Amino acid sequence: MEEPKKNRYSLFKKQEEFVFQSKHCLLELYGCNYEKLNDESFLRCSLNNAAKLAKATVLNLISNKFEPQGVTAIALLAESHLSIHTWPEACYSAVDVFTCGQNMMPDLACKYLIEALEVEEHFLRVINRNPAISVHNQIRFEK
């Protein structure tokens, strides 16, 4: 087994080079509109709109409607992902907005979903992701 190289990632070599480009927003939504939380089509459109507001590129959107209620929908982004899981019976939803890149605006996606779902209360946690500097300079293109 090969021994890991020390200081392999430039992020850890020079902390002053470090730049936050990735944000991971964890959003808890309480007192949401029951009908909207149970409407798969509405939620798919809402995720798509939220992604556009975040300046993200939607690659694919998948969803599932549960019985007797509830929806899970995930937008695969060129810049990461956006997901929503709903429990209409509790008027609750959990949202995950993870974007990578300097021009991303995940906070706008969060604000949009709060308004669209007619939320009474919310709790937002933001995690700044710390990829290595070598990741920051990478550009990816769709096939």
C-alpha atoms as a PDB file:
ATOM      1  CA  MET A   1       0.000   0.000   0.000  1.00  0.00           C
ATOM      2  CA  GLU A   2       1.364   3.378  -1.023  1.00  0.00           C
ATOM      3  CA  GLU A   3       1.894   5.964   1.682  1.00  0.00           C
ATOM      4  CA  PRO A   4      -0.059   9.203   1.103  1.00  0.00           C
ATOM      5  CA  LYS A   5       2.039  12.198   0.082  1.00  0.00           C
ATOM      6  CA  LYS A   6       2.193  15.006   2.599  1.00  0.00           C
ATOM      7  CA  ASN A   7       0.862  18.435   1.561  1.00  0.00           C
ATOM      8  CA  ARG A   8      -0.605  16.911  -1.587  1.00  0.00           C
ATOM      9  CA  TYR A   9      -3.323  19.528  -1.841  1.00  0.00           C
ATOM     10  CA  SER A  10      -2.311  23.124  -2.386  1.00  0.00           C
ATOM     11  CA  LEU A  11      -5.229  24.272  -0.234  1.00  0.00           C
ATOM     12  CA  PHE A  12      -3.353  23.151   2.834  1.00  0.00           C
ATOM     13  CA  LYS A  13       0.006  24.589   1.740  1.00  0.00           C
ATOM     14  CA  LYS A  14      -0.965  28.242   1.599  1.00  0.00           C
ATOM     15  CA  GLN A  15      -4.097  29.204   3.435  1.00  0.00           C
ATOM     16  CA  GLU A  16      -4.009  32.724   1.914  1.00  0.00           C
ATOM     17  CA  GLU A  17      -4.680  31.182  -1.527  1.00  0.00           C
ATOM     18  CA  PHE A  18      -7.892  29.683  -0.204  1.00  0.00           C
ATOM     19  CA  VAL A  19     -11.116  30.989  -1.738  1.00  0.00           C
ATOM     20  CA  PHE A  20     -14.628  29.754  -0.899  1.00  0.00           C
ATOM     21  CA  GLN A  21     -16.285  28.863  -4.163  1.00  0.00           C
ATOM     22  CA  SER A  22     -18.610  26.132  -2.972  1.00  0.00           C
ATOM     23  CA  LYS A  23     -21.624  26.620  -0.724  1.00  0.00           C
ATOM     24  CA  HIS A  24     -23.850  23.927   0.661  1.00  0.00           C
ATOM     25  CA  CYS A  25     -27.165  25.282   1.965  1.00  0.00           C
ATOM     26  CA  LEU A  26     -29.266  23.074   4.228  1.00  0.00           C
ATOM     27  CA  LEU A  27     -32.750  24.521   4.483  1.00  0.00           C
ATOM     28  CA  GLU A  28     -35.508  23.375   6.853  1.00  0.00           C
ATOM     29  CA  LEU A  29     -38.971  24.656   5.906  1.00  0.00           C
ATOM     30  CA  TYR A  30     -41.857  24.652   8.402  1.00  0.00           C
ATOM     31  CA  GLY A  31     -45.507  25.582   7.960  1.00  0.00           C
ATOM     32  CA  CYS A  32     -45.424  25.097   4.188  1.00  0.00           C
ATOM     33  CA  ASN A  33     -48.466  25.002   1.919  1.00  0.00           C
ATOM     34  CA  TYR A  34     -49.731  21.382   1.975  1.00  0.00           C
ATOM     35  CA  GLU A  35     -50.956  21.333  -1.635  1.00  0.00           C
ATOM     36  CA  LYS A  36     -47.670  22.691  -2.982  1.00  0.00           C
ATOM     37  CA  LEU A  37     -45.656  20.160  -0.978  1.00  0.00           C
ATOM     38  CA  ASN A  38     -47.706  17.363  -2.515  1.00  0.00           C
ATOM     39  CA  ASP A  39     -47.634  18.648  -6.114  1.00  0.00           C
ATOM     40  CA  GLU A  40     -44.834  16.892  -7.995  1.00  0.00           C
ATOM     41  CA  SER A  41     -45.141  19.065 -11.096  1.00  0.00           C
ATOM     42  CA  PHE A  42     -45.081  22.285  -9.055  1.00  0.00           C
ATOM     43  CA  LEU A  43     -41.996  21.127  -7.152  1.00  0.00           C
ATOM     44  CA  ARG A  44     -40.144  20.173 -10.351  1.00  0.00           C
ATOM     45  CA  CYS A  45     -40.848  23.622 -11.804  1.00  0.00           C
ATOM     46  CA  SER A  46     -39.844  25.271  -8.532  1.00  0.00           C
ATOM     47  CA  LEU A  47     -36.504  23.444  -8.449  1.00  0.00           C
ATOM     48  CA  ASN A  48     -35.862  24.402 -12.054  1.00  0.00           C
ATOM     49  CA  ASN A  49     -36.660  28.073 -11.330  1.00  0.00           C
ATOM     50  CA  ALA A  50     -34.558  28.050  -8.160  1.00  0.00           C
ATOM     51  CA  ALA A  51     -31.599  26.618 -10.078  1.00  0.00           C
ATOM     52  CA  LYS A  52     -31.887  29.332 -12.716  1.00  0.00           C
ATOM     53  CA  LEU A  53     -31.955  32.031 -10.025  1.00  0.00           C
ATOM     54  CA  ALA A  54     -28.800  30.503  -8.545  1.00  0.00           C
ATOM     55  CA  LYS A  55     -27.217  30.846 -12.018  1.00  0.00           C
ATOM     56  CA  ALA A  56     -26.846  27.073 -12.200  1.00  0.00           C
ATOM     57  CA  THR A  57     -27.193  24.777 -15.206  1.00  0.00           C
ATOM     58  CA  VAL A  58     -29.784  21.998 -14.852  1.00  0.00           C
ATOM     59  CA  LEU A  59     -28.532  18.768 -16.441  1.00  0.00           C
ATOM     60  CA  ASN A  60     -31.375  16.521 -15.344  1.00  0.00           C
ATOM     61  CA  LEU A  61     -34.395  16.598 -13.066  1.00  0.00           C
ATOM     62  CA  ILE A  62     -35.859  13.487 -11.447  1.00  0.00           C
ATOM     63  CA  SER A  63     -38.697  13.136  -8.989  1.00  0.00           C
ATOM     64  CA  ASN A  64     -40.914  10.654  -7.227  1.00  0.00           C
ATOM     65  CA  LYS A  65     -44.411  11.066  -5.766  1.00  0.00           C
ATOM     66  CA  PHE A  66     -45.074   8.918  -2.719  1.00  0.00           C
ATOM     67  CA  GLU A  67     -48.392   7.454  -1.507  1.00  0.00           C
ATOM     68  CA  PRO A  68     -50.348   8.659   0.310  1.00  0.00           C
ATOM     69  CA  GLN A  69     -48.376  11.935   0.110  1.00  0.00           C
ATOM     70  CA  GLY A  70     -44.915  13.427  -0.273  1.00  0.00           C
ATOM     71  CA  VAL A  71     -42.459  14.136  -3.055  1.00  0.00           C
ATOM     72  CA  THR A  72     -38.720  13.878  -3.532  1.00  0.00           C
ATOM     73  CA  ALA A  73     -37.194  15.816  -6.426  1.00  0.00           C
ATOM     74  CA  ILE A  74     -33.562  16.279  -7.371  1.00  0.00           C
ATOM     75  CA  ALA A  75     -32.044  18.637  -9.924  1.00  0.00           C
ATOM     76  CA  LEU A  76     -28.657  17.469 -11.108  1.00  0.00           C
ATOM     77  CA  LEU A  77     -26.643  20.614 -11.797  1.00  0.00           C
ATOM     78  CA  ALA A  78     -23.439  21.113 -13.740  1.00  0.00           C
ATOM     79  CA  GLU A  79     -22.412  22.914 -10.542  1.00  0.00           C
ATOM     80  CA  SER A  80     -23.626  20.125  -8.148  1.00  0.00           C
ATOM     81  CA  HIS A  81     -27.266  19.553  -7.060  1.00  0.00           C
ATOM     82  CA  LEU A  82     -30.520  20.907  -5.634  1.00  0.00           C
ATOM     83  CA  SER A  83     -32.954  18.596  -3.847  1.00  0.00           C
ATOM     84  CA  ILE A  84     -36.236  18.736  -1.961  1.00  0.00           C
ATOM     85  CA  HIS A  85     -37.948  16.130   0.225  1.00  0.00           C
ATOM     86  CA  THR A  86     -41.476  16.894   1.402  1.00  0.00           C
ATOM     87  CA  TRP A  87     -43.741  15.686   4.200  1.00  0.00           C
ATOM     88  CA  PRO A  88     -47.052  17.434   3.437  1.00  0.00           C
ATOM     89  CA  GLU A  89     -48.773  15.841   6.426  1.00  0.00           C
ATOM     90  CA  ALA A  90     -46.368  17.797   8.661  1.00  0.00           C
ATOM     91  CA  CYS A  91     -46.219  20.852   6.346  1.00  0.00           C
ATOM     92  CA  TYR A  92     -42.443  20.289   6.383  1.00  0.00           C
ATOM     93  CA  SER A  93     -39.760  20.149   3.735  1.00  0.00           C
ATOM     94  CA  ALA A  94     -35.984  19.619   3.690  1.00  0.00           C
ATOM     95  CA  VAL A  95     -34.009  21.334   0.927  1.00  0.00           C
ATOM     96  CA  ASP A  96     -30.385  20.897  -0.092  1.00  0.00           C
ATOM     97  CA  VAL A  97     -28.701  23.448  -2.390  1.00  0.00           C
ATOM     98  CA  PHE A  98     -25.075  22.671  -3.210  1.00  0.00           C
ATOM     99  CA  THR A  99     -23.338  24.848  -5.788  1.00  0.00           C
ATOM    100  CA  CYS A 100     -19.713  25.117  -6.856  1.00  0.00           C
ATOM    101  CA  GLY A 101     -18.295  28.151  -8.618  1.00  0.00           C
ATOM    102  CA  GLN A 102     -17.660  31.826  -7.937  1.00  0.00           C
ATOM    103  CA  ASN A 103     -20.742  33.091  -9.784  1.00  0.00           C
ATOM    104  CA  MET A 104     -23.278  30.857  -8.051  1.00  0.00           C
ATOM    105  CA  MET A 105     -26.051  32.384  -5.938  1.00  0.00           C
ATOM    106  CA  PRO A 106     -27.548  29.554  -3.840  1.00  0.00           C
ATOM    107  CA  ASP A 107     -29.038  32.095  -1.411  1.00  0.00           C
ATOM    108  CA  LEU A 108     -31.405  33.264  -4.168  1.00  0.00           C
ATOM    109  CA  ALA A 109     -32.517  29.673  -4.759  1.00  0.00           C
ATOM    110  CA  CYS A 110     -33.282  29.344  -1.037  1.00  0.00           C
ATOM    111  CA  LYS A 111     -35.230  32.614  -0.918  1.00  0.00           C
ATOM    112  CA  TYR A 112     -37.233  31.612  -3.972  1.00  0.00           C
ATOM    113  CA  LEU A 113     -38.243  28.251  -2.470  1.00  0.00           C
ATOM    114  CA  ILE A 114     -39.197  29.888   0.844  1.00  0.00           C
ATOM    115  CA  GLU A 115     -41.582  32.199  -0.998  1.00  0.00           C
ATOM    116  CA  ALA A 116     -42.876  29.605  -3.476  1.00  0.00           C
ATOM    117  CA  LEU A 117     -43.824  27.145  -0.725  1.00  0.00           C
ATOM    118  CA  GLU A 118     -45.430  29.865   1.419  1.00  0.00           C
ATOM    119  CA  VAL A 119     -43.206  28.997   4.374  1.00  0.00           C
ATOM    120  CA  GLU A 120     -44.109  30.253   7.860  1.00  0.00           C
ATOM    121  CA  GLU A 121     -40.703  29.507   9.429  1.00  0.00           C
ATOM    122  CA  HIS A 122     -37.358  28.353   8.135  1.00  0.00           C
ATOM    123  CA  PHE A 123     -33.901  27.481   9.368  1.00  0.00           C
ATOM    124  CA  LEU A 124     -30.886  27.825   7.063  1.00  0.00           C
ATOM    125  CA  ARG A 125     -27.407  26.406   7.619  1.00  0.00           C
ATOM    126  CA  VAL A 126     -24.660  27.300   5.155  1.00  0.00           C
ATOM    127  CA  ILE A 127     -21.528  25.214   4.856  1.00  0.00           C
ATOM    128  CA  ASN A 128     -18.600  26.631   2.919  1.00  0.00           C
ATOM    129  CA  ARG A 129     -17.017  23.683   1.133  1.00  0.00           C
ATOM    130  CA  ASN A 130     -13.234  23.678   0.870  1.00  0.00           C
ATOM    131  CA  PRO A 131     -12.053  22.007  -2.320  1.00  0.00           C
ATOM    132  CA  ALA A 132      -8.356  22.029  -3.136  1.00  0.00           C
ATOM    133  CA  ILE A 133      -7.094  25.003  -5.163  1.00  0.00           C
ATOM    134  CA  SER A 134      -6.560  22.698  -8.127  1.00  0.00           C
ATOM    135  CA  VAL A 135     -10.341  22.122  -8.238  1.00  0.00           C
ATOM    136  CA  HIS A 136     -11.058  25.864  -8.357  1.00  0.00           C
ATOM    137  CA  ASN A 137      -9.381  26.233 -11.736  1.00  0.00           C
ATOM    138  CA  GLN A 138     -11.261  23.396 -13.414  1.00  0.00           C
ATOM    139  CA  ILE A 139     -13.929  24.033 -16.026  1.00  0.00           C
ATOM    140  CA  ARG A 140     -16.336  21.276 -17.004  1.00  0.00           C
ATOM    141  CA  PHE A 141     -18.463  21.102 -20.115  1.00  0.00           C
ATOM    142  CA  GLU A 142     -21.518  19.043 -20.974  1.00  0.00           C
ATOM    143  CA  LYS A 143     -21.053  16.117 -23.350  1.00  0.00           C
END
